[in-house]
Amino acid sequence: MKLVGLTGGIASGKTTVANILQRLGAAIVDADVLSREVVEPGQAAWQDIVTTFGREVLQADQTLDRQKLRAIIFDNPSARKQLEAIIHPRVRALAEQRIREHREAGYAVVVYVVPLLFEGNLQDGLRPVILVACDIDVQRHRLEQRDHVDGAAAQKHIDAQMSLEEKRRLADYVIENNTGLEELERQVRDVFAKLQAT
């Protein structure tokens, strides 16, 4: 089984690329999905978050108010570290379990989608790494549309991540996502064929 990393900047199109790879026959393990699973009401991570940040980070149905939590940690590095210390080890353990299950199920390629893969310095244990990239103007526009934020807020989110130039240097494959779905599919098929050939 080949374990592959998939990453990219915010609003670059990682989910779309992961969906195409899944259609082509890869198994997908998505860190964002797992991070939502580990913080469901009653889970150990949920308990720790409520203990650390207070019940005001909960919505009426007891699920986390992600916007409120994001606002708390965005400009507060120590709060962000606290939250990461609660969530990351549990996501990692769940990811390892899912990868093991996919291996046992006989998948030849398992793709682990990690938005902050390079920021977390995970690339050495995940090779090759596919980077989904797009021009900064395209990225900003997508982020404004997706999250209903203005240009300044979108730029602030983009600036909070590692630069695209640095990510390009660290990646094994780069998929450019500036044009339409057809061109994106062509590039993903090309990369998938290379993964299967090596």
Protein backbone atom coordinates (compact mmCIF):
# COMPACT_ATOMS: atom_id res chain seq x y z
CA MET A 1 0.00 0.00 0.00
CA LYS A 2 1.21 3.49 -0.90
CA LEU A 3 0.43 6.24 1.62
CA VAL A 4 0.28 9.66 -0.04
CA GLY A 5 -0.06 13.14 1.52
CA LEU A 6 -2.41 15.70 -0.01
CA THR A 7 -2.28 19.35 1.02
CA GLY A 8 -2.84 22.88 -0.22
CA GLY A 9 -3.65 26.37 0.93
CA ILE A 10 -7.07 27.35 2.22
CA ALA A 11 -9.72 27.27 -0.56
CA SER A 12 -7.26 25.79 -3.07
CA GLY A 13 -9.47 22.81 -4.00
CA LYS A 14 -8.11 19.95 -1.83
CA THR A 15 -11.56 18.42 -1.32
CA THR A 16 -12.31 18.43 -5.05
CA VAL A 17 -8.96 16.74 -5.78
CA ALA A 18 -9.57 14.17 -3.00
CA ASN A 19 -13.00 13.38 -4.49
CA ILE A 20 -11.46 12.80 -7.94
CA LEU A 21 -8.76 10.55 -6.43
CA GLN A 22 -11.46 8.58 -4.61
CA ARG A 23 -13.35 8.09 -7.90
CA LEU A 24 -10.10 6.83 -9.44
CA GLY A 25 -9.81 4.16 -6.72
CA ALA A 26 -7.82 5.70 -3.86
CA ALA A 27 -9.01 5.53 -0.26
CA ILE A 28 -9.27 8.95 1.41
CA VAL A 29 -8.51 9.81 5.03
CA ASP A 30 -9.28 13.49 5.66
CA ALA A 31 -7.82 15.19 8.75
CA ASP A 32 -10.57 17.86 8.68
CA VAL A 33 -13.29 15.21 8.77
CA LEU A 34 -11.50 13.37 11.59
CA SER A 35 -11.06 16.60 13.55
CA ARG A 36 -14.84 17.05 13.44
CA GLU A 37 -15.39 13.46 14.58
CA VAL A 38 -13.11 13.71 17.63
CA VAL A 39 -14.89 16.81 18.94
CA GLU A 40 -18.45 15.49 18.76
CA PRO A 41 -20.42 16.05 22.01
CA GLY A 42 -19.36 13.68 24.75
CA GLN A 43 -16.04 12.73 23.12
CA ALA A 44 -12.87 13.16 25.22
CA ALA A 45 -11.60 16.04 23.04
CA TRP A 46 -14.97 17.81 23.36
CA GLN A 47 -14.77 17.49 27.16
CA ASP A 48 -11.22 18.90 27.19
CA ILE A 49 -12.21 21.85 24.95
CA VAL A 50 -15.17 22.74 27.19
CA THR A 51 -12.95 22.48 30.29
CA THR A 52 -10.26 24.67 28.69
CA PHE A 53 -12.33 27.30 26.85
CA GLY A 54 -15.65 27.25 28.75
CA ARG A 55 -19.22 26.40 27.79
CA GLU A 56 -19.52 29.63 25.75
CA VAL A 57 -17.82 27.80 22.85
CA LEU A 58 -20.88 25.51 22.60
CA GLN A 59 -23.99 25.99 20.51
CA ALA A 60 -27.50 25.25 21.82
CA ASP A 61 -27.26 21.62 20.61
CA GLN A 62 -23.97 21.18 22.55
CA THR A 63 -21.83 20.97 19.39
CA LEU A 64 -18.83 23.30 19.18
CA ASP A 65 -19.38 26.80 17.89
CA ARG A 66 -16.51 26.68 15.41
CA GLN A 67 -16.67 30.38 14.53
CA LYS A 68 -16.44 31.37 18.19
CA LEU A 69 -13.53 28.98 18.77
CA ARG A 70 -11.78 30.20 15.61
CA ALA A 71 -12.15 33.80 16.81
CA ILE A 72 -10.57 32.90 20.18
CA ILE A 73 -7.51 31.18 18.69
CA PHE A 74 -6.92 33.25 15.54
CA ASP A 75 -4.84 36.01 17.15
CA ASN A 76 -3.88 34.06 20.27
CA PRO A 77 -0.95 31.65 19.71
CA SER A 78 -1.11 30.14 23.21
CA ALA A 79 -4.86 29.39 22.89
CA ARG A 80 -4.20 27.87 19.46
CA LYS A 81 -1.47 25.64 20.94
CA GLN A 82 -3.86 24.51 23.70
CA LEU A 83 -6.52 23.59 21.15
CA GLU A 84 -4.02 21.79 18.91
CA ALA A 85 -2.68 19.81 21.89
CA ILE A 86 -6.23 18.59 22.55
CA ILE A 87 -7.20 17.75 18.97
CA HIS A 88 -4.06 16.76 17.03
CA PRO A 89 -3.01 13.61 18.96
CA ARG A 90 -6.57 12.25 18.74
CA VAL A 91 -6.81 13.01 15.01
CA ARG A 92 -3.45 11.30 14.46
CA ALA A 93 -4.56 8.17 16.34
CA LEU A 94 -7.85 8.01 14.42
CA ALA A 95 -6.03 8.57 11.10
CA GLU A 96 -3.64 5.69 11.85
CA GLN A 97 -6.61 3.46 12.61
CA ARG A 98 -8.39 4.40 9.33
CA ILE A 99 -5.20 3.93 7.29
CA ARG A 100 -4.77 0.48 8.85
CA GLU A 101 -8.38 -0.39 7.96
CA HIS A 102 -7.85 0.70 4.33
CA ARG A 103 -4.65 -1.35 4.14
CA GLU A 104 -6.49 -4.41 5.44
CA ALA A 105 -9.28 -3.77 2.90
CA GLY A 106 -6.67 -4.04 0.13
CA TYR A 107 -6.40 -0.46 -1.15
CA ALA A 108 -3.24 0.13 -3.20
CA VAL A 109 -3.26 3.92 -2.63
CA VAL A 110 -4.40 5.71 0.54
CA VAL A 111 -4.44 9.51 0.45
CA TYR A 112 -4.17 11.39 3.75
CA VAL A 113 -5.55 14.93 3.33
CA VAL A 114 -3.88 17.33 5.78
CA PRO A 115 -4.43 21.08 5.23
CA LEU A 116 -1.41 22.09 7.38
CA LEU A 117 0.81 19.16 6.38
CA PHE A 118 3.95 21.24 5.82
CA GLU A 119 3.22 23.59 8.73
CA GLY A 120 3.01 20.50 10.95
CA ASN A 121 6.23 19.14 9.39
CA LEU A 122 4.55 15.82 8.49
CA GLN A 123 6.04 15.48 5.01
CA ASP A 124 8.86 13.11 6.01
CA GLY A 125 6.41 10.42 7.11
CA LEU A 126 4.11 11.05 4.14
CA ARG A 127 5.81 10.70 0.79
CA PRO A 128 5.03 11.52 -1.91
CA VAL A 129 3.12 14.71 -1.16
CA ILE A 130 0.66 16.25 -3.64
CA LEU A 131 0.14 20.02 -3.37
CA VAL A 132 -3.03 21.63 -4.73
CA ALA A 133 -2.08 25.19 -5.70
CA CYS A 134 -3.81 28.19 -7.21
CA ASP A 135 -3.04 31.85 -7.86
CA ILE A 136 -3.52 34.05 -4.81
CA ASP A 137 -6.26 36.12 -6.52
CA VAL A 138 -8.21 32.94 -7.31
CA GLN A 139 -7.68 31.69 -3.75
CA ARG A 140 -8.85 34.97 -2.22
CA HIS A 141 -11.95 35.06 -4.44
CA ARG A 142 -12.88 31.44 -3.59
CA LEU A 143 -12.43 32.12 0.12
CA GLU A 144 -14.61 35.25 -0.05
CA GLN A 145 -17.33 33.24 -1.83
CA ARG A 146 -17.08 30.14 0.37
CA ASP A 147 -16.85 31.79 3.80
CA HIS A 148 -18.77 35.01 2.98
CA VAL A 149 -15.88 37.22 4.12
CA ASP A 150 -14.38 40.39 2.65
CA GLY A 151 -11.04 40.59 0.84
CA ALA A 152 -9.11 41.74 3.92
CA ALA A 153 -10.39 38.83 6.06
CA ALA A 154 -9.67 36.35 3.27
CA GLN A 155 -6.14 37.71 2.91
CA LYS A 156 -5.57 37.43 6.67
CA HIS A 157 -6.43 33.70 6.51
CA ILE A 158 -4.12 33.20 3.51
CA ASP A 159 -1.27 35.08 5.23
CA ALA A 160 -1.61 32.88 8.35
CA GLN A 161 -0.43 29.87 6.32
CA MET A 162 2.98 28.96 4.92
CA SER A 163 3.71 30.66 1.60
CA LEU A 164 2.81 28.83 -1.60
CA GLU A 165 6.41 29.19 -2.86
CA GLU A 166 7.69 27.31 0.20
CA LYS A 167 5.03 24.60 -0.20
CA ARG A 168 5.93 24.16 -3.88
CA ARG A 169 9.55 23.50 -2.89
CA LEU A 170 8.49 20.81 -0.39
CA ALA A 171 5.93 19.01 -2.61
CA ASP A 172 6.57 16.04 -4.90
CA TYR A 173 3.63 16.78 -7.24
CA VAL A 174 1.90 20.11 -7.81
CA ILE A 175 -1.64 20.27 -9.22
CA GLU A 176 -2.57 23.74 -10.49
CA ASN A 177 -6.22 24.58 -9.84
CA ASN A 178 -6.79 27.90 -11.62
CA THR A 179 -9.01 26.84 -14.49
CA GLY A 180 -11.98 24.50 -14.87
CA LEU A 181 -12.83 21.06 -13.55
CA GLU A 182 -11.87 19.33 -16.80
CA GLU A 183 -8.25 20.53 -16.61
CA LEU A 184 -8.12 19.70 -12.89
CA GLU A 185 -9.34 16.12 -13.58
CA ARG A 186 -6.68 15.71 -16.30
CA GLN A 187 -3.90 16.70 -13.89
CA VAL A 188 -5.23 14.47 -11.09
CA ARG A 189 -5.47 11.47 -13.45
CA ASP A 190 -1.89 12.12 -14.56
CA VAL A 191 -0.60 12.22 -10.95
CA PHE A 192 -2.63 9.12 -10.01
CA ALA A 193 -1.15 7.20 -12.94
CA LYS A 194 2.35 8.16 -11.76
CA LEU A 195 1.52 7.04 -8.20
CA GLN A 196 0.36 3.66 -9.47
CA ALA A 197 3.43 3.27 -11.68
CA THR A 198 5.99 3.85 -8.91
